[in-house]
């Protein structure tokens, strides 16, 4: 049981790293700040399709990672 949760923790951590690296940055320096302000003013929605999916997947993997980390910590302590 202990080995299963450790392997699951490794899978969650690798998945979380991968999904975070696949996401676009919110701004690209000064030009991103200027264009980001213009997009916000004119109402362009940035989070569409793949970006929205990656955001939701990141949240799911993060929750799974923290829950699994707590379970592994409890199993190691007892």
PDB file of N, CA and C in Angstrom:
ATOM      1  N   UNK A   1       0.826  -1.186   0.000  1.00  0.00           N
ATOM      2  CA  UNK A   1       0.000   0.000   0.000  1.00  0.00           C
ATOM      3  C   UNK A   1       0.875   1.255   0.000  1.00  0.00           C
ATOM      4  N   UNK A   2       1.936   1.230   0.772  1.00  0.00           N
ATOM      5  CA  UNK A   2       2.848   2.362   0.868  1.00  0.00           C
ATOM      6  C   UNK A   2       3.521   2.631  -0.481  1.00  0.00           C
ATOM      7  N   UNK A   3       3.954   1.574  -1.145  1.00  0.00           N
ATOM      8  CA  UNK A   3       4.612   1.693  -2.451  1.00  0.00           C
ATOM      9  C   UNK A   3       3.643   2.264  -3.489  1.00  0.00           C
ATOM     10  N   UNK A   4       2.389   1.837  -3.451  1.00  0.00           N
ATOM     11  CA  UNK A   4       1.373   2.317  -4.393  1.00  0.00           C
ATOM     12  C   UNK A   4       1.208   3.833  -4.305  1.00  0.00           C
ATOM     13  N   UNK A   5       1.107   4.358  -3.085  1.00  0.00           N
ATOM     14  CA  UNK A   5       0.915   5.793  -2.915  1.00  0.00           C
ATOM     15  C   UNK A   5       2.172   6.580  -3.287  1.00  0.00           C
ATOM     16  N   UNK A   6       3.343   6.012  -3.068  1.00  0.00           N
ATOM     17  CA  UNK A   6       4.569   6.685  -3.477  1.00  0.00           C
ATOM     18  C   UNK A   6       4.673   6.769  -4.998  1.00  0.00           C
ATOM     19  N   UNK A   7       4.309   5.697  -5.684  1.00  0.00           N
ATOM     20  CA  UNK A   7       4.312   5.703  -7.141  1.00  0.00           C
ATOM     21  C   UNK A   7       3.268   6.686  -7.663  1.00  0.00           C
ATOM     22  N   UNK A   8       2.100   6.714  -7.022  1.00  0.00           N
ATOM     23  CA  UNK A   8       1.050   7.654  -7.409  1.00  0.00           C
ATOM     24  C   UNK A   8       1.512   9.098  -7.199  1.00  0.00           C
ATOM     25  N   UNK A   9       2.256   9.353  -6.138  1.00  0.00           N
ATOM     26  CA  UNK A   9       2.792  10.694  -5.873  1.00  0.00           C
ATOM     27  C   UNK A   9       3.789  11.111  -6.956  1.00  0.00           C
ATOM     28  N   UNK A  10       4.611  10.183  -7.398  1.00  0.00           N
ATOM     29  CA  UNK A  10       5.570  10.473  -8.465  1.00  0.00           C
ATOM     30  C   UNK A  10       4.835  10.771  -9.771  1.00  0.00           C
ATOM     31  N   UNK A  11       3.782  10.011 -10.068  1.00  0.00           N
ATOM     32  CA  UNK A  11       2.999  10.246 -11.284  1.00  0.00           C
ATOM     33  C   UNK A  11       2.336  11.616 -11.242  1.00  0.00           C
ATOM     34  N   UNK A  12       1.741  11.979 -10.088  1.00  0.00           N
ATOM     35  CA  UNK A  12       1.120  13.297  -9.949  1.00  0.00           C
ATOM     36  C   UNK A  12       2.146  14.410 -10.106  1.00  0.00           C
ATOM     37  N   UNK A  13       3.327  14.239  -9.515  1.00  0.00           N
ATOM     38  CA  UNK A  13       4.329  15.297  -9.589  1.00  0.00           C
ATOM     39  C   UNK A  13       4.854  15.477 -11.014  1.00  0.00           C
ATOM     40  N   UNK A  14       5.106  14.392 -11.726  1.00  0.00           N
ATOM     41  CA  UNK A  14       5.563  14.502 -13.115  1.00  0.00           C
ATOM     42  C   UNK A  14       4.473  15.096 -14.011  1.00  0.00           C
ATOM     43  N   UNK A  15       3.241  14.703 -13.781  1.00  0.00           N
ATOM     44  CA  UNK A  15       2.134  15.268 -14.547  1.00  0.00           C
ATOM     45  C   UNK A  15       1.964  16.748 -14.292  1.00  0.00           C
ATOM     46  N   UNK A  16       2.095  17.148 -13.036  1.00  0.00           N
ATOM     47  CA  UNK A  16       1.959  18.561 -12.673  1.00  0.00           C
ATOM     48  C   UNK A  16       3.077  19.393 -13.300  1.00  0.00           C
ATOM     49  N   UNK A  17       4.288  18.899 -13.274  1.00  0.00           N
ATOM     50  CA  UNK A  17       5.411  19.605 -13.896  1.00  0.00           C
ATOM     51  C   UNK A  17       5.178  19.758 -15.391  1.00  0.00           C
ATOM     52  N   UNK A  18       4.735  18.689 -16.038  1.00  0.00           N
ATOM     53  CA  UNK A  18       4.505  18.715 -17.480  1.00  0.00           C
ATOM     54  C   UNK A  18       3.413  19.707 -17.861  1.00  0.00           C
ATOM     55  N   UNK A  19       2.295  19.682 -17.126  1.00  0.00           N
ATOM     56  CA  UNK A  19       1.175  20.559 -17.459  1.00  0.00           C
ATOM     57  C   UNK A  19       1.540  22.028 -17.226  1.00  0.00           C
ATOM     58  N   UNK A  20       2.278  22.311 -16.180  1.00  0.00           N
ATOM     59  CA  UNK A  20       2.680  23.694 -15.916  1.00  0.00           C
ATOM     60  C   UNK A  20       3.617  24.196 -17.015  1.00  0.00           C
ATOM     61  N   UNK A  21       4.522  23.350 -17.477  1.00  0.00           N
ATOM     62  CA  UNK A  21       5.435  23.767 -18.539  1.00  0.00           C
ATOM     63  C   UNK A  21       4.737  23.923 -19.883  1.00  0.00           C
ATOM     64  N   UNK A  22       3.625  23.253 -20.096  1.00  0.00           N
ATOM     65  CA  UNK A  22       2.888  23.372 -21.351  1.00  0.00           C
ATOM     66  C   UNK A  22       2.067  24.652 -21.441  1.00  0.00           C
ATOM     67  N   UNK A  23       1.792  25.278 -20.315  1.00  0.00           N
ATOM     68  CA  UNK A  23       0.951  26.469 -20.313  1.00  0.00           C
ATOM     69  C   UNK A  23       1.713  27.680 -20.816  1.00  0.00           C
ATOM     70  N   UNK A  24       0.973  28.595 -21.431  1.00  0.00           N
ATOM     71  CA  UNK A  24       1.561  29.844 -21.896  1.00  0.00           C
ATOM     72  C   UNK A  24       1.764  30.776 -20.712  1.00  0.00           C
ATOM     73  N   UNK A  25       2.729  31.668 -20.836  1.00  0.00           N
ATOM     74  CA  UNK A  25       2.932  32.689 -19.824  1.00  0.00           C
ATOM     75  C   UNK A  25       1.840  33.737 -19.914  1.00  0.00           C
ATOM     76  N   UNK A  26       1.552  34.391 -18.806  1.00  0.00           N
ATOM     77  CA  UNK A  26       0.511  35.419 -18.797  1.00  0.00           C
ATOM     78  C   UNK A  26       0.967  36.696 -19.486  1.00  0.00           C
ATOM     79  N   UNK A  27       2.260  36.971 -19.482  1.00  0.00           N
ATOM     80  CA  UNK A  27       2.756  38.160 -20.170  1.00  0.00           C
ATOM     81  C   UNK A  27       4.157  37.860 -20.687  1.00  0.00           C
ATOM     82  N   UNK A  28       4.564  38.621 -21.671  1.00  0.00           N
ATOM     83  CA  UNK A  28       5.902  38.455 -22.240  1.00  0.00           C
ATOM     84  C   UNK A  28       6.674  39.760 -22.064  1.00  0.00           C
ATOM     85  N   UNK A  29       6.924  40.125 -20.841  1.00  0.00           N
ATOM     86  CA  UNK A  29       7.662  41.346 -20.561  1.00  0.00           C
ATOM     87  C   UNK A  29       6.808  42.590 -20.758  1.00  0.00           C
ATOM     88  N   UNK A  30       7.442  43.666 -21.209  1.00  0.00           N
ATOM     89  CA  UNK A  30       6.748  44.927 -21.382  1.00  0.00           C
ATOM     90  C   UNK A  30       5.724  44.865 -22.507  1.00  0.00           C
ATOM     91  N   UNK A  31       6.062  44.182 -23.600  1.00  0.00           N
ATOM     92  CA  UNK A  31       5.102  44.081 -24.708  1.00  0.00           C
ATOM     93  C   UNK A  31       3.877  43.278 -24.299  1.00  0.00           C
ATOM     94  N   UNK A  32       4.054  42.291 -23.462  1.00  0.00           N
ATOM     95  CA  UNK A  32       2.910  41.525 -22.968  1.00  0.00           C
ATOM     96  C   UNK A  32       2.032  42.337 -22.045  1.00  0.00           C
ATOM     97  N   UNK A  33       2.649  43.224 -21.287  1.00  0.00           N
ATOM     98  CA  UNK A  33       1.870  44.077 -20.386  1.00  0.00           C
ATOM     99  C   UNK A  33       1.033  45.070 -21.180  1.00  0.00           C
ATOM    100  N   UNK A  34       1.608  45.605 -22.246  1.00  0.00           N
ATOM    101  CA  UNK A  34       0.872  46.567 -23.069  1.00  0.00           C
ATOM    102  C   UNK A  34      -0.248  45.874 -23.830  1.00  0.00           C
ATOM    103  N   UNK A  35       0.065  44.777 -24.497  1.00  0.00           N
ATOM    104  CA  UNK A  35      -0.973  44.081 -25.266  1.00  0.00           C
ATOM    105  C   UNK A  35      -1.987  43.422 -24.346  1.00  0.00           C
ATOM    106  N   UNK A  36      -1.547  42.992 -23.173  1.00  0.00           N
ATOM    107  CA  UNK A  36      -2.485  42.399 -22.217  1.00  0.00           C
ATOM    108  C   UNK A  36      -3.511  43.405 -21.747  1.00  0.00           C
ATOM    109  N   UNK A  37      -3.077  44.640 -21.539  1.00  0.00           N
ATOM    110  CA  UNK A  37      -4.003  45.694 -21.150  1.00  0.00           C
ATOM    111  C   UNK A  37      -4.986  46.010 -22.259  1.00  0.00           C
ATOM    112  N   UNK A  38      -4.503  46.005 -23.503  1.00  0.00           N
ATOM    113  CA  UNK A  38      -5.384  46.276 -24.636  1.00  0.00           C
ATOM    114  C   UNK A  38      -6.393  45.146 -24.813  1.00  0.00           C
ATOM    115  N   UNK A  39      -5.952  43.915 -24.624  1.00  0.00           N
ATOM    116  CA  UNK A  39      -6.870  42.779 -24.758  1.00  0.00           C
ATOM    117  C   UNK A  39      -7.929  42.814 -23.674  1.00  0.00           C
ATOM    118  N   UNK A  40      -7.541  43.233 -22.484  1.00  0.00           N
ATOM    119  CA  UNK A  40      -8.511  43.319 -21.400  1.00  0.00           C
ATOM    120  C   UNK A  40      -9.521  44.437 -21.671  1.00  0.00           C
ATOM    121  N   UNK A  41      -9.031  45.537 -22.224  1.00  0.00           N
ATOM    122  CA  UNK A  41      -9.899  46.678 -22.515  1.00  0.00           C
ATOM    123  C   UNK A  41     -10.919  46.341 -23.598  1.00  0.00           C
ATOM    124  N   UNK A  42     -10.474  45.649 -24.626  1.00  0.00           N
ATOM    125  CA  UNK A  42     -11.368  45.341 -25.739  1.00  0.00           C
ATOM    126  C   UNK A  42     -12.100  44.015 -25.569  1.00  0.00           C
ATOM    127  N   UNK A  43     -11.858  43.325 -24.498  1.00  0.00           N
ATOM    128  CA  UNK A  43     -12.642  42.144 -24.159  1.00  0.00           C
ATOM    129  C   UNK A  43     -12.230  40.863 -24.851  1.00  0.00           C
ATOM    130  N   UNK A  44     -10.986  40.724 -25.222  1.00  0.00           N
ATOM    131  CA  UNK A  44     -10.542  39.475 -25.830  1.00  0.00           C
ATOM    132  C   UNK A  44     -10.350  38.438 -24.723  1.00  0.00           C
ATOM    133  N   UNK A  45     -10.969  37.294 -24.908  1.00  0.00           N
ATOM    134  CA  UNK A  45     -10.859  36.242 -23.893  1.00  0.00           C
ATOM    135  C   UNK A  45      -9.678  35.349 -24.247  1.00  0.00           C
ATOM    136  N   UNK A  46      -8.719  35.263 -23.340  1.00  0.00           N
ATOM    137  CA  UNK A  46      -7.513  34.493 -23.611  1.00  0.00           C
ATOM    138  C   UNK A  46      -7.684  32.999 -23.336  1.00  0.00           C
ATOM    139  N   UNK A  47      -8.393  32.666 -22.275  1.00  0.00           N
ATOM    140  CA  UNK A  47      -8.483  31.271 -21.853  1.00  0.00           C
ATOM    141  C   UNK A  47      -9.546  30.553 -22.683  1.00  0.00           C
ATOM    142  N   UNK A  48      -9.118  29.948 -23.767  1.00  0.00           N
ATOM    143  CA  UNK A  48     -10.025  29.194 -24.623  1.00  0.00           C
ATOM    144  C   UNK A  48      -9.438  27.817 -24.867  1.00  0.00           C
ATOM    145  N   UNK A  49     -10.292  26.884 -25.142  1.00  0.00           N
ATOM    146  CA  UNK A  49      -9.881  25.559 -25.594  1.00  0.00           C
ATOM    147  C   UNK A  49      -8.818  24.904 -24.746  1.00  0.00           C
ATOM    148  N   UNK A  50      -7.644  24.804 -25.350  1.00  0.00           N
ATOM    149  CA  UNK A  50      -6.540  24.091 -24.709  1.00  0.00           C
ATOM    150  C   UNK A  50      -6.073  24.785 -23.432  1.00  0.00           C
ATOM    151  N   UNK A  51      -6.046  26.111 -23.436  1.00  0.00           N
ATOM    152  CA  UNK A  51      -5.610  26.838 -22.242  1.00  0.00           C
ATOM    153  C   UNK A  51      -6.524  26.576 -21.049  1.00  0.00           C
ATOM    154  N   UNK A  52      -7.827  26.583 -21.307  1.00  0.00           N
ATOM    155  CA  UNK A  52      -8.789  26.316 -20.235  1.00  0.00           C
ATOM    156  C   UNK A  52      -8.658  24.877 -19.737  1.00  0.00           C
ATOM    157  N   UNK A  53      -8.460  23.935 -20.668  1.00  0.00           N
ATOM    158  CA  UNK A  53      -8.270  22.540 -20.284  1.00  0.00           C
ATOM    159  C   UNK A  53      -7.015  22.365 -19.435  1.00  0.00           C
ATOM    160  N   UNK A  54      -5.925  23.021 -19.835  1.00  0.00           N
ATOM    161  CA  UNK A  54      -4.677  22.906 -19.076  1.00  0.00           C
ATOM    162  C   UNK A  54      -4.798  23.528 -17.686  1.00  0.00           C
ATOM    163  N   UNK A  55      -5.549  24.612 -17.568  1.00  0.00           N
ATOM    164  CA  UNK A  55      -5.756  25.219 -16.253  1.00  0.00           C
ATOM    165  C   UNK A  55      -6.522  24.280 -15.334  1.00  0.00           C
ATOM    166  N   UNK A  56      -7.576  23.678 -15.856  1.00  0.00           N
ATOM    167  CA  UNK A  56      -8.374  22.749 -15.043  1.00  0.00           C
ATOM    168  C   UNK A  56      -7.587  21.492 -14.701  1.00  0.00           C
ATOM    169  N   UNK A  57      -6.796  21.006 -15.646  1.00  0.00           N
ATOM    170  CA  UNK A  57      -5.962  19.836 -15.384  1.00  0.00           C
ATOM    171  C   UNK A  57      -4.908  20.141 -14.333  1.00  0.00           C
ATOM    172  N   UNK A  58      -4.362  21.347 -14.348  1.00  0.00           N
ATOM    173  CA  UNK A  58      -3.383  21.759 -13.340  1.00  0.00           C
ATOM    174  C   UNK A  58      -3.992  21.747 -11.948  1.00  0.00           C
ATOM    175  N   UNK A  59      -5.199  22.274 -11.833  1.00  0.00           N
ATOM    176  CA  UNK A  59      -5.874  22.288 -10.529  1.00  0.00           C
ATOM    177  C   UNK A  59      -6.131  20.859 -10.055  1.00  0.00           C
ATOM    178  N   UNK A  60      -6.605  20.004 -10.939  1.00  0.00           N
ATOM    179  CA  UNK A  60      -6.869  18.611 -10.569  1.00  0.00           C
ATOM    180  C   UNK A  60      -5.611  17.870 -10.143  1.00  0.00           C
ATOM    181  N   UNK A  61      -4.537  18.058 -10.900  1.00  0.00           N
ATOM    182  CA  UNK A  61      -3.280  17.398 -10.544  1.00  0.00           C
ATOM    183  C   UNK A  61      -2.700  17.949  -9.245  1.00  0.00           C
ATOM    184  N   UNK A  62      -2.857  19.249  -9.011  1.00  0.00           N
ATOM    185  CA  UNK A  62      -2.348  19.837  -7.766  1.00  0.00           C
ATOM    186  C   UNK A  62      -3.095  19.300  -6.557  1.00  0.00           C
ATOM    187  N   UNK A  63      -4.415  19.192  -6.669  1.00  0.00           N
ATOM    188  CA  UNK A  63      -5.209  18.627  -5.562  1.00  0.00           C
ATOM    189  C   UNK A  63      -4.814  17.175  -5.324  1.00  0.00           C
ATOM    190  N   UNK A  64      -4.683  16.407  -6.396  1.00  0.00           N
ATOM    191  CA  UNK A  64      -4.259  15.015  -6.255  1.00  0.00           C
ATOM    192  C   UNK A  64      -2.883  14.891  -5.638  1.00  0.00           C
ATOM    193  N   UNK A  65      -1.975  15.775  -6.034  1.00  0.00           N
ATOM    194  CA  UNK A  65      -0.620  15.755  -5.487  1.00  0.00           C
ATOM    195  C   UNK A  65      -0.623  16.016  -3.982  1.00  0.00           C
ATOM    196  N   UNK A  66      -1.356  17.052  -3.552  1.00  0.00           N
ATOM    197  CA  UNK A  66      -1.362  17.388  -2.130  1.00  0.00           C
ATOM    198  C   UNK A  66      -2.046  16.322  -1.290  1.00  0.00           C
ATOM    199  N   UNK A  67      -3.139  15.776  -1.791  1.00  0.00           N
ATOM    200  CA  UNK A  67      -3.824  14.716  -1.044  1.00  0.00           C
ATOM    201  C   UNK A  67      -2.932  13.483  -0.931  1.00  0.00           C
ATOM    202  N   UNK A  68      -2.300  13.110  -2.034  1.00  0.00           N
ATOM    203  CA  UNK A  68      -1.408  11.952  -2.013  1.00  0.00           C
ATOM    204  C   UNK A  68      -0.199  12.204  -1.119  1.00  0.00           C
ATOM    205  N   UNK A  69       0.332  13.419  -1.123  1.00  0.00           N
ATOM    206  CA  UNK A  69       1.468  13.743  -0.260  1.00  0.00           C
ATOM    207  C   UNK A  69       1.084  13.630   1.219  1.00  0.00           C
ATOM    208  N   UNK A  70      -0.120  14.082   1.554  1.00  0.00           N
ATOM    209  CA  UNK A  70      -0.589  13.942   2.936  1.00  0.00           C
ATOM    210  C   UNK A  70      -0.765  12.468   3.322  1.00  0.00           C
ATOM    211  N   UNK A  71      -1.282  11.668   2.414  1.00  0.00           N
ATOM    212  CA  UNK A  71      -1.452  10.231   2.706  1.00  0.00           C
ATOM    213  C   UNK A  71      -0.101   9.564   2.894  1.00  0.00           C
ATOM    214  N   UNK A  72       0.858   9.876   2.027  1.00  0.00           N
ATOM    215  CA  UNK A  72       2.191   9.279   2.157  1.00  0.00           C
ATOM    216  C   UNK A  72       2.853   9.725   3.465  1.00  0.00           C
ATOM    217  N   UNK A  73       2.703  10.986   3.825  1.00  0.00           N
ATOM    218  CA  UNK A  73       3.279  11.460   5.081  1.00  0.00           C
ATOM    219  C   UNK A  73       2.656  10.754   6.276  1.00  0.00           C
ATOM    220  N   UNK A  74       1.336  10.527   6.226  1.00  0.00           N
ATOM    221  CA  UNK A  74       0.662   9.817   7.316  1.00  0.00           C
ATOM    222  C   UNK A  74       1.133   8.358   7.391  1.00  0.00           C
ATOM    223  N   UNK A  75       1.282   7.697   6.242  1.00  0.00           N
ATOM    224  CA  UNK A  75       1.704   6.297   6.228  1.00  0.00           C
ATOM    225  C   UNK A  75       3.147   6.144   6.703  1.00  0.00           C
ATOM    226  N   UNK A  76       3.998   7.094   6.374  1.00  0.00           N
ATOM    227  CA  UNK A  76       5.393   7.018   6.820  1.00  0.00           C
ATOM    228  C   UNK A  76       5.487   7.232   8.327  1.00  0.00           C
ATOM    229  N   UNK A  77       4.658   8.149   8.852  1.00  0.00           N
ATOM    230  CA  UNK A  77       4.714   8.447  10.278  1.00  0.00           C
ATOM    231  C   UNK A  77       4.206   7.282  11.122  1.00  0.00           C
ATOM    232  N   UNK A  78       3.198   6.571  10.634  1.00  0.00           N
ATOM    233  CA  UNK A  78       2.637   5.486  11.444  1.00  0.00           C
ATOM    234  C   UNK A  78       3.238   4.148  11.143  1.00  0.00           C
TER     235      UNK A  78
END
